C-alpha cells in the first residue's frame, strides 16, 4: 500500500507531531489570552502546554484533531494554575438539568467590532465565557468543547445559551445605536 507508513521511528513520529502541532501556536496563544488575561501568563501557559504535549505526544493519535487535544491540555493546565492561585471554585452544575429545555440561539451579528465584543465578553461569567469563546471565536463544536472542558454536552449547551444571553445584554446599547432594531424586547424574550 502506497502512502501508508507501517512502522515509524520515534524521530519520524516526533517530526510528524511537531509539523502538526507547532503551527497551532497562534491559536493556542489566543485561547491562553482569554484564559489568563495577561500576556506573560498566557505565554507561560502556551509554553507549558507544548511542554506537556511533548511529554505526552506518544499518546496523540496522528490525524485526529490536534488543536482540540492541545486546547484540552491547556484547559487542564489552567485549571491546575487557578487551583494553585486559590481562584477556582468547584460547585454543582445546575445548568446540566436545564440543558434539554434551552433552544438553539443564532450567532451574534457579524458587524460588531472586535473591541466591543471583547469588552462585552469580559463581563460574561467565566464558565459561560469559556464556552462562548471556544465555540464562537475558536470554532470548536459542542462535542469538542465538552471534551476540552470535561463536562457533559448538555452543560456546554446550557452555558452557551446563558453566555450568549449575557453577551446580548452587554451589547444591547451598541446594537440599538447601530440600527439592530428594538433589542430590549428581543433580549427580554431571549
Protein backbone atom coordinates (compact mmCIF):
# COMPACT_ATOMS: atom_id res chain seq x y z
CA UNK A 1 0.00 0.00 0.00
CA UNK A 2 1.50 3.25 -1.13
CA UNK A 3 1.36 6.25 1.19
CA UNK A 4 0.94 4.32 4.43
CA UNK A 5 3.74 4.19 6.94
CA UNK A 6 3.59 0.86 8.69
CA UNK A 7 6.46 1.42 11.04
CA UNK A 8 7.69 4.83 12.08
CA UNK A 9 10.70 5.56 14.14
CA UNK A 10 10.29 7.70 17.22
CA UNK A 11 12.07 10.52 15.40
CA UNK A 12 9.72 10.32 12.40
CA UNK A 13 6.69 10.33 14.65
CA UNK A 14 8.12 13.29 16.56
CA UNK A 15 8.70 15.25 13.31
CA UNK A 16 5.14 14.50 12.18
CA UNK A 17 3.74 15.62 15.52
CA UNK A 18 5.88 18.75 15.54
CA UNK A 19 4.76 19.61 12.00
CA UNK A 20 1.12 19.25 13.04
CA UNK A 21 1.30 20.94 16.46
CA UNK A 22 3.69 23.88 16.12
CA UNK A 23 1.64 25.82 13.53
CA UNK A 24 -1.17 25.89 16.11
CA UNK A 25 0.83 28.11 18.49
CA UNK A 26 -1.00 31.34 17.50
CA UNK A 27 -4.38 29.66 18.08
CA UNK A 28 -3.23 28.40 21.47
CA UNK A 29 -1.89 31.82 22.42
CA UNK A 30 -5.25 33.40 21.58
CA UNK A 31 -7.04 30.88 23.83
CA UNK A 32 -4.42 31.40 26.54
CA UNK A 33 -5.02 35.15 26.48
CA UNK A 34 -8.73 34.52 27.10
CA UNK A 35 -7.88 32.21 29.98
CA UNK A 36 -5.06 34.13 31.64
CA UNK A 37 -5.94 37.72 30.66
CA UNK A 38 -2.27 38.52 30.99
CA UNK A 39 0.37 38.33 28.28
CA UNK A 40 3.09 36.83 30.48
CA UNK A 41 0.78 34.20 31.97
CA UNK A 42 -0.62 33.41 28.51
CA UNK A 43 2.88 32.89 27.12
CA UNK A 44 3.72 30.66 30.08
CA UNK A 45 0.50 28.69 29.57
CA UNK A 46 1.30 28.11 25.88
CA UNK A 47 4.83 27.04 26.75
CA UNK A 48 3.57 24.67 29.47
CA UNK A 49 1.00 23.28 27.04
CA UNK A 50 3.64 22.45 24.43
CA UNK A 51 5.94 21.03 27.11
CA UNK A 52 3.16 18.75 28.37
CA UNK A 53 2.22 17.82 24.80
CA UNK A 54 5.84 16.94 24.03
CA UNK A 55 5.97 14.69 27.08
CA UNK A 56 2.72 13.01 26.01
CA UNK A 57 3.00 13.11 22.23
CA UNK A 58 3.25 9.31 22.10
CA UNK A 59 -0.39 9.23 23.26
CA UNK A 60 -1.57 11.55 20.49
CA UNK A 61 -3.12 9.75 17.53
CA UNK A 62 -1.84 11.39 14.35
CA UNK A 63 -4.59 12.65 12.06
CA UNK A 64 -7.04 13.43 14.86
CA UNK A 65 -7.86 16.97 15.99
CA UNK A 66 -4.51 18.18 17.32
CA UNK A 67 -5.92 21.63 18.07
CA UNK A 68 -8.62 20.19 20.35
CA UNK A 69 -6.07 17.91 22.03
CA UNK A 70 -3.70 20.81 22.74
CA UNK A 71 -6.55 23.03 23.92
CA UNK A 72 -7.66 20.29 26.32
CA UNK A 73 -4.14 20.13 27.73
CA UNK A 74 -4.17 23.93 28.08
CA UNK A 75 -7.50 23.96 29.92
CA UNK A 76 -6.29 21.27 32.31
CA UNK A 77 -3.07 23.18 32.99
CA UNK A 78 -5.04 26.38 33.50
CA UNK A 79 -7.36 24.65 35.98
CA UNK A 80 -4.34 23.50 37.96
CA UNK A 81 -2.91 27.02 37.79
CA UNK A 82 -6.14 28.52 39.10
CA UNK A 83 -6.35 25.96 41.88
CA UNK A 84 -2.84 26.88 42.95
CA UNK A 85 -3.85 30.53 42.96
CA UNK A 86 -6.94 29.70 45.01
CA UNK A 87 -9.25 31.33 42.49
CA UNK A 88 -11.13 28.25 41.34
CA UNK A 89 -14.46 27.38 42.91
CA UNK A 90 -15.91 23.93 42.38
CA UNK A 91 -19.69 23.94 42.64
CA UNK A 92 -22.57 21.77 41.50
CA UNK A 93 -23.64 22.41 37.95
CA UNK A 94 -27.38 23.21 37.94
CA UNK A 95 -27.17 24.14 34.26
CA UNK A 96 -26.99 20.46 33.31
CA UNK A 97 -30.61 19.95 34.40
CA UNK A 98 -31.76 22.80 32.15
CA UNK A 99 -29.85 21.78 29.02
CA UNK A 100 -32.72 19.90 27.38
CA UNK A 101 -35.08 22.90 27.59
CA UNK A 102 -32.79 25.54 26.08
CA UNK A 103 -33.38 26.30 22.38
CA UNK A 104 -30.57 26.89 19.90
CA UNK A 105 -29.54 30.53 19.52
CA UNK A 106 -28.11 32.04 16.35
CA UNK A 107 -24.62 33.53 16.12
CA UNK A 108 -24.10 37.18 17.07
CA UNK A 109 -24.32 39.78 14.26
CA UNK A 110 -21.09 39.90 12.25
CA UNK A 111 -20.96 43.73 12.11
CA UNK A 112 -19.71 44.16 15.69
CA UNK A 113 -16.10 45.21 16.12
CA UNK A 114 -13.63 43.04 17.96
CA UNK A 115 -13.16 45.66 20.66
CA UNK A 116 -16.87 45.81 21.52
CA UNK A 117 -17.19 42.05 21.66
CA UNK A 118 -14.01 41.66 23.73
CA UNK A 119 -15.17 44.28 26.23
CA UNK A 120 -18.60 42.67 26.45
CA UNK A 121 -17.10 39.20 26.88
CA UNK A 122 -15.08 40.42 29.85
CA UNK A 123 -18.38 40.89 31.68
CA UNK A 124 -19.67 37.39 30.94
CA UNK A 125 -19.11 34.95 33.86
CA UNK A 126 -16.04 32.80 33.21
CA UNK A 127 -17.72 29.39 32.88
CA UNK A 128 -20.12 30.83 30.28
CA UNK A 129 -17.39 32.89 28.55
CA UNK A 130 -15.19 29.81 28.07
CA UNK A 131 -17.89 28.04 26.07
CA UNK A 132 -18.79 31.11 24.00
CA UNK A 133 -15.14 31.79 23.15
CA UNK A 134 -14.38 28.16 22.29
CA UNK A 135 -17.43 27.94 20.03
CA UNK A 136 -17.92 31.37 18.50
CA UNK A 137 -14.31 32.61 18.47
CA UNK A 138 -12.29 29.41 18.13
CA UNK A 139 -14.82 27.38 16.13
CA UNK A 140 -14.91 24.22 18.25
CA UNK A 141 -18.03 22.03 18.10
CA UNK A 142 -20.15 21.40 21.21
CA UNK A 143 -18.74 17.87 21.36
CA UNK A 144 -15.15 19.15 21.20
CA UNK A 145 -15.88 21.77 23.87
CA UNK A 146 -17.37 19.10 26.13
CA UNK A 147 -14.14 17.13 25.75
CA UNK A 148 -11.90 20.14 26.31
CA UNK A 149 -13.73 21.25 29.46
CA UNK A 150 -14.51 17.69 30.59
CA UNK A 151 -18.21 18.43 31.07
CA UNK A 152 -21.33 16.84 29.55
CA UNK A 153 -22.53 18.23 26.22
CA UNK A 154 -25.76 19.38 27.88
CA UNK A 155 -23.70 21.59 30.17
CA UNK A 156 -21.94 23.07 27.15
CA UNK A 157 -25.31 23.81 25.53
CA UNK A 158 -26.66 25.39 28.69
CA UNK A 159 -23.57 27.51 29.27
CA UNK A 160 -23.62 28.58 25.63
CA UNK A 161 -27.22 29.72 25.92
CA UNK A 162 -26.65 31.60 29.15
CA UNK A 163 -23.35 33.07 27.96
CA UNK A 164 -24.88 34.35 24.76
CA UNK A 165 -27.80 35.80 26.70
CA UNK A 166 -25.43 37.75 28.98
CA UNK A 167 -23.41 38.81 25.94
CA UNK A 168 -26.55 40.05 24.18
CA UNK A 169 -27.43 42.12 27.23
CA UNK A 170 -23.91 43.57 27.31
CA UNK A 171 -24.15 44.50 23.63
CA UNK A 172 -27.73 45.87 23.72
CA UNK A 173 -26.70 49.54 23.76
CA UNK A 174 -24.29 49.01 20.91
CA UNK A 175 -26.97 47.21 18.89
CA UNK A 176 -29.53 49.99 19.44
CA UNK A 177 -27.00 52.64 18.45
CA UNK A 178 -26.13 50.80 15.24
CA UNK A 179 -29.62 50.05 13.95
CA UNK A 180 -30.20 46.47 15.02
CA UNK A 181 -33.76 47.38 15.99
CA UNK A 182 -35.54 47.21 19.32
CA UNK A 183 -33.17 44.94 21.22
CA UNK A 184 -34.91 45.37 24.56
CA UNK A 185 -37.81 43.14 23.55
CA UNK A 186 -35.52 40.61 21.90
CA UNK A 187 -33.27 40.45 24.94
CA UNK A 188 -36.17 40.04 27.33
CA UNK A 189 -37.54 37.24 25.15
CA UNK A 190 -34.13 35.53 24.87
